[in-house]
Amino acid sequence: MYTQEQIDAMTEEQKSEAWNQMWRNFCVSDSFEPGSPAKPLTVAAALEEGVIGPQETFVCDAPRRWAATGSSASAFTATAPFGGADPDESCNDAMMQIAARMGVERFARYQEIFGFGQKTGIDLPGEADTAGLIFHADNMGAADLACNSFGQTYNCTMVQMA
């Protein structure tokens, strides 16, 4: 909050900036790593591309490692049937296996299709520019692909995720 004295001392531009900060909509203006809510997008893309089937299952047995970047991504220890109704069956390891089948080119294309890294055009002020906060096929390595598959190492806004 500002006192009347502080408001009177502001230029019109400063007042406008103060209003924008006070009424800022974090759903449009802030970016975050979406995490597990992005998993259905990985699955949808893989189904669309025919690299997995609706009754296929994946075993979540161990962390996966990628020597090319020296990175590793952890996984849960569980058997995760694809398409199961139980959200506890969600498994990062399964997402990594699915994304590896898709490959960098297809995965990056579906991130674009789903609108990540692009403004939505929503009629609200202050939409964040997330173009530089996602990987593209030309800069996505195996570890990046794996982490992106379960919603990590890239950013989006809540509006983009919705």
C-alpha atoms as a PDB file:
ATOM      1  CA  MET A   1       0.000   0.000   0.000  1.00  0.00           C
ATOM      2  CA  TYR A   2       1.058   3.543  -0.616  1.00  0.00           C
ATOM      3  CA  THR A   3       0.303   6.631   1.405  1.00  0.00           C
ATOM      4  CA  GLN A   4      -1.367   9.568  -0.287  1.00  0.00           C
ATOM      5  CA  GLU A   5       1.910  11.456   0.054  1.00  0.00           C
ATOM      6  CA  GLN A   6       3.774   8.708  -1.803  1.00  0.00           C
ATOM      7  CA  ILE A   7       1.142   8.624  -4.530  1.00  0.00           C
ATOM      8  CA  ASP A   8       1.264  12.401  -4.958  1.00  0.00           C
ATOM      9  CA  ALA A   9       5.060  12.215  -5.390  1.00  0.00           C
ATOM     10  CA  MET A  10       4.820   9.638  -8.214  1.00  0.00           C
ATOM     11  CA  THR A  11       4.945  10.375 -11.908  1.00  0.00           C
ATOM     12  CA  GLU A  12       2.117   8.972 -14.037  1.00  0.00           C
ATOM     13  CA  GLU A  13       4.459   6.224 -15.224  1.00  0.00           C
ATOM     14  CA  GLN A  14       5.355   5.290 -11.635  1.00  0.00           C
ATOM     15  CA  LYS A  15       1.661   5.232 -10.687  1.00  0.00           C
ATOM     16  CA  SER A  16       0.913   2.982 -13.633  1.00  0.00           C
ATOM     17  CA  GLU A  17       3.741   0.637 -12.647  1.00  0.00           C
ATOM     18  CA  ALA A  18       2.536   0.587  -9.022  1.00  0.00           C
ATOM     19  CA  TRP A  19      -1.006  -0.300 -10.140  1.00  0.00           C
ATOM     20  CA  ASN A  20       0.318  -3.026 -12.420  1.00  0.00           C
ATOM     21  CA  GLN A  21       2.322  -4.544  -9.561  1.00  0.00           C
ATOM     22  CA  MET A  22      -0.639  -4.379  -7.172  1.00  0.00           C
ATOM     23  CA  TRP A  23      -3.060  -5.962  -9.624  1.00  0.00           C
ATOM     24  CA  ARG A  24      -0.606  -8.342 -11.248  1.00  0.00           C
ATOM     25  CA  ASN A  25      -2.122 -11.698 -12.189  1.00  0.00           C
ATOM     26  CA  PHE A  26       0.429 -14.415 -11.360  1.00  0.00           C
ATOM     27  CA  CYS A  27      -1.480 -16.942 -13.498  1.00  0.00           C
ATOM     28  CA  VAL A  28      -0.516 -14.899 -16.537  1.00  0.00           C
ATOM     29  CA  SER A  29       2.653 -13.111 -15.420  1.00  0.00           C
ATOM     30  CA  ASP A  30       4.676 -15.776 -13.602  1.00  0.00           C
ATOM     31  CA  SER A  31       6.241 -18.912 -14.979  1.00  0.00           C
ATOM     32  CA  PHE A  32       6.971 -22.174 -13.192  1.00  0.00           C
ATOM     33  CA  GLU A  33       8.013 -25.759 -13.859  1.00  0.00           C
ATOM     34  CA  PRO A  34       4.694 -27.570 -14.335  1.00  0.00           C
ATOM     35  CA  GLY A  35       5.857 -30.923 -12.935  1.00  0.00           C
ATOM     36  CA  SER A  36       3.507 -33.903 -12.918  1.00  0.00           C
ATOM     37  CA  PRO A  37       0.491 -32.067 -14.389  1.00  0.00           C
ATOM     38  CA  ALA A  38       2.471 -32.067 -17.664  1.00  0.00           C
ATOM     39  CA  LYS A  39       2.618 -35.883 -17.770  1.00  0.00           C
ATOM     40  CA  PRO A  40      -0.712 -36.243 -19.620  1.00  0.00           C
ATOM     41  CA  LEU A  41       0.740 -34.094 -22.402  1.00  0.00           C
ATOM     42  CA  THR A  42       3.661 -36.497 -22.814  1.00  0.00           C
ATOM     43  CA  VAL A  43       1.256 -39.435 -22.893  1.00  0.00           C
ATOM     44  CA  ALA A  44      -1.129 -37.704 -25.309  1.00  0.00           C
ATOM     45  CA  ALA A  45       1.690 -36.899 -27.724  1.00  0.00           C
ATOM     46  CA  ALA A  46       3.005 -40.473 -27.572  1.00  0.00           C
ATOM     47  CA  LEU A  47      -0.468 -41.904 -28.176  1.00  0.00           C
ATOM     48  CA  GLU A  48      -1.031 -39.532 -31.087  1.00  0.00           C
ATOM     49  CA  GLU A  49       2.297 -40.580 -32.610  1.00  0.00           C
ATOM     50  CA  GLY A  50       1.549 -44.268 -32.051  1.00  0.00           C
ATOM     51  CA  VAL A  51       4.716 -44.896 -30.033  1.00  0.00           C
ATOM     52  CA  ILE A  52       2.697 -46.337 -27.136  1.00  0.00           C
ATOM     53  CA  GLY A  53      -0.581 -48.167 -26.940  1.00  0.00           C
ATOM     54  CA  PRO A  54      -3.474 -47.556 -24.551  1.00  0.00           C
ATOM     55  CA  GLN A  55      -2.978 -50.858 -22.712  1.00  0.00           C
ATOM     56  CA  GLU A  56       0.808 -50.704 -22.506  1.00  0.00           C
ATOM     57  CA  THR A  57       2.539 -50.882 -19.123  1.00  0.00           C
ATOM     58  CA  PHE A  58       5.891 -49.573 -17.921  1.00  0.00           C
ATOM     59  CA  VAL A  59       7.989 -50.775 -15.034  1.00  0.00           C
ATOM     60  CA  CYS A  60       9.402 -48.039 -12.837  1.00  0.00           C
ATOM     61  CA  ASP A  61      12.446 -49.851 -11.595  1.00  0.00           C
ATOM     62  CA  ALA A  62      15.444 -47.565 -11.458  1.00  0.00           C
ATOM     63  CA  PRO A  63      16.869 -44.142 -12.221  1.00  0.00           C
ATOM     64  CA  ARG A  64      17.808 -43.592 -15.838  1.00  0.00           C
ATOM     65  CA  ARG A  65      21.202 -42.085 -16.705  1.00  0.00           C
ATOM     66  CA  TRP A  66      22.428 -40.313 -19.798  1.00  0.00           C
ATOM     67  CA  ALA A  67      26.188 -40.382 -20.258  1.00  0.00           C
ATOM     68  CA  ALA A  68      26.107 -37.761 -23.018  1.00  0.00           C
ATOM     69  CA  THR A  69      25.425 -34.973 -20.523  1.00  0.00           C
ATOM     70  CA  GLY A  70      26.491 -36.619 -17.292  1.00  0.00           C
ATOM     71  CA  SER A  71      23.006 -35.927 -15.936  1.00  0.00           C
ATOM     72  CA  SER A  72      20.636 -38.281 -14.231  1.00  0.00           C
ATOM     73  CA  ALA A  73      16.965 -38.098 -13.458  1.00  0.00           C
ATOM     74  CA  SER A  74      15.444 -39.923 -10.523  1.00  0.00           C
ATOM     75  CA  ALA A  75      12.431 -42.173 -10.737  1.00  0.00           C
ATOM     76  CA  PHE A  76       9.930 -43.708  -8.387  1.00  0.00           C
ATOM     77  CA  THR A  77      10.038 -47.412  -7.648  1.00  0.00           C
ATOM     78  CA  ALA A  78       6.662 -48.748  -8.712  1.00  0.00           C
ATOM     79  CA  THR A  79       4.921 -50.530 -11.522  1.00  0.00           C
ATOM     80  CA  ALA A  80       2.942 -47.901 -13.372  1.00  0.00           C
ATOM     81  CA  PRO A  81       0.326 -49.198 -15.787  1.00  0.00           C
ATOM     82  CA  PHE A  82      -0.274 -46.638 -18.468  1.00  0.00           C
ATOM     83  CA  GLY A  83      -3.769 -45.230 -18.290  1.00  0.00           C
ATOM     84  CA  GLY A  84      -4.346 -46.331 -14.699  1.00  0.00           C
ATOM     85  CA  ALA A  85      -6.902 -44.320 -12.783  1.00  0.00           C
ATOM     86  CA  ASP A  86      -4.796 -44.105  -9.626  1.00  0.00           C
ATOM     87  CA  PRO A  87      -2.721 -40.894  -9.593  1.00  0.00           C
ATOM     88  CA  ASP A  88      -0.246 -42.620  -7.251  1.00  0.00           C
ATOM     89  CA  GLU A  89       0.742 -44.787 -10.193  1.00  0.00           C
ATOM     90  CA  SER A  90       2.260 -41.760 -11.930  1.00  0.00           C
ATOM     91  CA  CYS A  91       5.905 -42.530 -12.574  1.00  0.00           C
ATOM     92  CA  ASN A  92       8.707 -40.300 -13.812  1.00  0.00           C
ATOM     93  CA  ASP A  93      10.551 -43.364 -15.076  1.00  0.00           C
ATOM     94  CA  ALA A  94       7.629 -44.296 -17.341  1.00  0.00           C
ATOM     95  CA  MET A  95       7.505 -40.761 -18.727  1.00  0.00           C
ATOM     96  CA  MET A  96      11.232 -40.926 -19.506  1.00  0.00           C
ATOM     97  CA  GLN A  97      10.773 -44.230 -21.325  1.00  0.00           C
ATOM     98  CA  ILE A  98       7.865 -42.813 -23.331  1.00  0.00           C
ATOM     99  CA  ALA A  99       9.741 -39.628 -24.254  1.00  0.00           C
ATOM    100  CA  ALA A 100      12.793 -41.649 -25.303  1.00  0.00           C
ATOM    101  CA  ARG A 101      10.575 -43.564 -27.735  1.00  0.00           C
ATOM    102  CA  MET A 102       9.235 -40.303 -29.130  1.00  0.00           C
ATOM    103  CA  GLY A 103      12.641 -38.713 -29.529  1.00  0.00           C
ATOM    104  CA  VAL A 104      13.654 -35.096 -29.289  1.00  0.00           C
ATOM    105  CA  GLU A 105      12.164 -33.936 -32.605  1.00  0.00           C
ATOM    106  CA  ARG A 106       8.641 -35.231 -31.970  1.00  0.00           C
ATOM    107  CA  PHE A 107       8.616 -34.278 -28.302  1.00  0.00           C
ATOM    108  CA  ALA A 108       9.707 -30.692 -29.048  1.00  0.00           C
ATOM    109  CA  ARG A 109       7.125 -30.451 -31.837  1.00  0.00           C
ATOM    110  CA  TYR A 110       4.355 -31.424 -29.408  1.00  0.00           C
ATOM    111  CA  GLN A 111       5.516 -28.882 -26.838  1.00  0.00           C
ATOM    112  CA  GLU A 112       5.026 -26.317 -29.580  1.00  0.00           C
ATOM    113  CA  ILE A 113       1.653 -27.794 -30.586  1.00  0.00           C
ATOM    114  CA  PHE A 114       0.536 -27.557 -26.937  1.00  0.00           C
ATOM    115  CA  GLY A 115       1.620 -23.887 -26.898  1.00  0.00           C
ATOM    116  CA  PHE A 116       4.593 -23.974 -24.552  1.00  0.00           C
ATOM    117  CA  GLY A 117       7.011 -21.119 -25.101  1.00  0.00           C
ATOM    118  CA  GLN A 118       4.323 -19.060 -26.831  1.00  0.00           C
ATOM    119  CA  LYS A 119       2.059 -16.326 -25.587  1.00  0.00           C
ATOM    120  CA  THR A 120      -1.567 -17.401 -25.422  1.00  0.00           C
ATOM    121  CA  GLY A 121      -2.951 -14.025 -26.455  1.00  0.00           C
ATOM    122  CA  ILE A 122      -5.215 -13.955 -23.415  1.00  0.00           C
ATOM    123  CA  ASP A 123      -6.891 -10.590 -22.964  1.00  0.00           C
ATOM    124  CA  LEU A 124      -5.091  -9.815 -19.696  1.00  0.00           C
ATOM    125  CA  PRO A 125      -2.102  -7.517 -19.185  1.00  0.00           C
ATOM    126  CA  GLY A 126       1.406  -8.690 -18.375  1.00  0.00           C
ATOM    127  CA  GLU A 127       1.525 -12.126 -19.993  1.00  0.00           C
ATOM    128  CA  ALA A 128       4.992 -13.608 -19.423  1.00  0.00           C
ATOM    129  CA  ASP A 129       7.239 -14.362 -22.362  1.00  0.00           C
ATOM    130  CA  THR A 130       8.328 -17.970 -21.871  1.00  0.00           C
ATOM    131  CA  ALA A 131       9.938 -18.426 -25.299  1.00  0.00           C
ATOM    132  CA  GLY A 132      13.427 -18.672 -23.815  1.00  0.00           C
ATOM    133  CA  LEU A 133      12.320 -20.972 -20.998  1.00  0.00           C
ATOM    134  CA  ILE A 134      11.751 -24.151 -23.001  1.00  0.00           C
ATOM    135  CA  PHE A 135      14.053 -26.450 -24.931  1.00  0.00           C
ATOM    136  CA  HIS A 136      13.787 -26.886 -28.679  1.00  0.00           C
ATOM    137  CA  ALA A 137      14.884 -29.833 -30.794  1.00  0.00           C
ATOM    138  CA  ASP A 138      18.200 -28.140 -31.578  1.00  0.00           C
ATOM    139  CA  ASN A 139      19.199 -27.660 -27.919  1.00  0.00           C
ATOM    140  CA  MET A 140      17.443 -30.530 -26.132  1.00  0.00           C
ATOM    141  CA  GLY A 141      19.719 -33.334 -25.027  1.00  0.00           C
ATOM    142  CA  ALA A 142      18.718 -36.767 -23.757  1.00  0.00           C
ATOM    143  CA  ALA A 143      18.641 -35.653 -20.109  1.00  0.00           C
ATOM    144  CA  ASP A 144      16.600 -32.563 -21.037  1.00  0.00           C
ATOM    145  CA  LEU A 145      14.114 -34.744 -22.909  1.00  0.00           C
ATOM    146  CA  ALA A 146      13.846 -37.087 -19.940  1.00  0.00           C
ATOM    147  CA  CYS A 147      13.230 -34.270 -17.449  1.00  0.00           C
ATOM    148  CA  ASN A 148      10.848 -32.426 -19.778  1.00  0.00           C
ATOM    149  CA  SER A 149       8.769 -35.604 -20.055  1.00  0.00           C
ATOM    150  CA  PHE A 150       7.614 -35.229 -16.446  1.00  0.00           C
ATOM    151  CA  GLY A 151       7.370 -31.433 -16.432  1.00  0.00           C
ATOM    152  CA  GLN A 152      10.805 -30.363 -15.231  1.00  0.00           C
ATOM    153  CA  THR A 153      13.578 -28.149 -16.679  1.00  0.00           C
ATOM    154  CA  TYR A 154      11.219 -25.929 -18.649  1.00  0.00           C
ATOM    155  CA  ASN A 155       8.806 -23.193 -17.623  1.00  0.00           C
ATOM    156  CA  CYS A 156       5.302 -22.177 -18.573  1.00  0.00           C
ATOM    157  CA  THR A 157       2.582 -19.968 -17.164  1.00  0.00           C
ATOM    158  CA  MET A 158      -0.522 -21.336 -15.488  1.00  0.00           C
ATOM    159  CA  VAL A 159      -2.569 -20.110 -18.443  1.00  0.00           C
ATOM    160  CA  GLN A 160      -0.331 -21.985 -20.881  1.00  0.00           C
ATOM    161  CA  MET A 161      -0.646 -25.130 -18.779  1.00  0.00           C
ATOM    162  CA  ALA A 162      -4.414 -24.840 -18.695  1.00  0.00           C
END
